[in-house]
Amino acid sequence: MRPVVVAVAALLTAALAGSTAAQDKQITLPPDHEYGRLQDGPGQDTAQTQCQSCHSTDYIVRQPPGEARQWEAVVTKMIKVFGAPISETDTRAITDYLARTYGRPR
């Protein structure tokens, strides 16, 4: 019976050591391609910071042009469906920036 206890203890020790090593691993992602750089304008910094914390800015610049209602729906979806932690103030700034910068040409 004792060899079983020793074997279980050894397995637990190995598993704990493995999980500690996994927590220390860091991954550095490459920078976004220049194509994905957000255009300058009021709210660009907020959009860059908040949106890029979850995904590449390529996802923004590849969207079809849309009016403020469409961009508001996209930002709302990011918050409600995907759990993006964006404040109401930042939500308005991002929506305004996206509609102004990536909206339909008039």
Protein backbone atom coordinates (compact mmCIF):
# COMPACT_ATOMS: atom_id res chain seq x y z
CA MET A 1 0.00 0.00 0.00
CA ARG A 2 2.85 2.38 0.81
CA PRO A 3 4.26 2.43 -2.79
CA VAL A 4 0.86 3.69 -4.01
CA VAL A 5 0.97 6.60 -1.55
CA VAL A 6 4.51 7.49 -2.66
CA ALA A 7 3.49 7.34 -6.32
CA VAL A 8 0.46 9.58 -5.76
CA ALA A 9 2.57 12.08 -3.81
CA ALA A 10 5.14 12.13 -6.63
CA LEU A 11 2.42 12.74 -9.23
CA LEU A 12 0.92 15.58 -7.21
CA THR A 13 4.32 17.19 -6.74
CA ALA A 14 5.02 16.97 -10.48
CA ALA A 15 1.60 18.41 -11.33
CA LEU A 16 2.06 21.34 -8.96
CA ALA A 17 5.54 22.06 -10.29
CA GLY A 18 4.19 22.00 -13.85
CA SER A 19 1.38 24.43 -13.07
CA THR A 20 3.80 26.85 -11.39
CA ALA A 21 6.05 26.81 -14.44
CA ALA A 22 3.05 27.50 -16.71
CA GLN A 23 2.11 30.56 -14.67
CA ASP A 24 5.58 32.06 -15.17
CA LYS A 25 5.40 31.85 -18.97
CA GLN A 26 4.94 35.17 -20.77
CA ILE A 27 3.99 35.61 -24.39
CA THR A 28 4.93 38.74 -26.32
CA LEU A 29 2.72 39.32 -29.33
CA PRO A 30 4.11 40.98 -32.44
CA PRO A 31 2.95 44.53 -33.14
CA ASP A 32 -0.06 45.08 -35.36
CA HIS A 33 0.57 45.48 -39.07
CA GLU A 34 0.62 49.10 -40.24
CA TYR A 35 -2.66 48.42 -42.06
CA GLY A 36 -4.34 48.03 -38.68
CA ARG A 37 -3.15 51.36 -37.27
CA LEU A 38 -6.11 53.47 -36.22
CA GLN A 39 -6.48 56.84 -37.88
CA ASP A 40 -5.70 59.90 -35.80
CA GLY A 41 -8.55 61.81 -34.21
CA PRO A 42 -10.30 62.57 -30.94
CA GLY A 43 -10.97 59.29 -29.14
CA GLN A 44 -8.28 57.35 -31.00
CA ASP A 45 -6.23 56.73 -27.86
CA THR A 46 -9.27 55.44 -25.98
CA ALA A 47 -10.27 53.14 -28.84
CA GLN A 48 -6.69 51.91 -29.23
CA THR A 49 -6.32 51.12 -25.53
CA GLN A 50 -9.75 49.64 -24.86
CA CYS A 51 -10.27 47.69 -28.08
CA GLN A 52 -6.74 46.36 -28.44
CA SER A 53 -6.83 44.90 -24.96
CA CYS A 54 -8.95 42.10 -26.50
CA HIS A 55 -8.22 42.05 -30.22
CA SER A 56 -6.11 43.47 -33.00
CA THR A 57 -7.05 46.83 -34.43
CA ASP A 58 -7.31 45.06 -37.80
CA TYR A 59 -10.79 44.05 -36.64
CA ILE A 60 -11.75 47.72 -36.54
CA VAL A 61 -10.29 48.97 -39.80
CA ARG A 62 -11.67 46.01 -41.78
CA GLN A 63 -15.27 46.69 -40.75
CA PRO A 64 -17.53 48.18 -43.41
CA PRO A 65 -18.22 51.89 -42.91
CA GLY A 66 -21.18 52.47 -40.64
CA GLU A 67 -23.21 55.14 -38.96
CA ALA A 68 -23.06 55.88 -35.24
CA ARG A 69 -25.90 53.41 -34.50
CA GLN A 70 -23.98 50.57 -36.14
CA TRP A 71 -20.76 51.37 -34.26
CA GLU A 72 -22.69 51.71 -31.02
CA ALA A 73 -24.14 48.24 -31.58
CA VAL A 74 -20.66 46.83 -32.19
CA VAL A 75 -19.25 48.38 -29.01
CA THR A 76 -22.31 47.28 -27.01
CA LYS A 77 -21.84 43.72 -28.31
CA MET A 78 -18.20 43.78 -27.19
CA ILE A 79 -19.35 44.74 -23.70
CA LYS A 80 -22.45 42.57 -23.28
CA VAL A 81 -21.47 39.48 -25.26
CA PHE A 82 -17.69 39.36 -24.88
CA GLY A 83 -17.39 41.07 -21.48
CA ALA A 84 -15.21 44.02 -22.48
CA PRO A 85 -14.71 46.17 -19.36
CA ILE A 86 -15.45 49.54 -20.97
CA SER A 87 -16.94 52.42 -18.97
CA GLU A 88 -19.91 54.45 -20.25
CA THR A 89 -17.63 57.44 -20.82
CA ASP A 90 -15.18 55.38 -22.89
CA THR A 91 -18.06 53.69 -24.74
CA ARG A 92 -19.32 57.09 -25.92
CA ALA A 93 -15.79 58.25 -26.85
CA ILE A 94 -15.11 55.04 -28.82
CA THR A 95 -18.47 55.11 -30.59
CA ASP A 96 -18.06 58.77 -31.55
CA TYR A 97 -14.51 58.15 -32.77
CA LEU A 98 -15.49 55.10 -34.85
CA ALA A 99 -18.52 56.80 -36.41
CA ARG A 100 -16.53 59.93 -37.25
CA THR A 101 -13.42 58.12 -38.49
CA TYR A 102 -14.82 54.93 -39.99
CA GLY A 103 -18.34 56.07 -40.79
CA ARG A 104 -20.04 56.27 -44.13
CA PRO A 105 -18.72 59.08 -46.36
CA ARG A 106 -21.20 61.89 -46.77
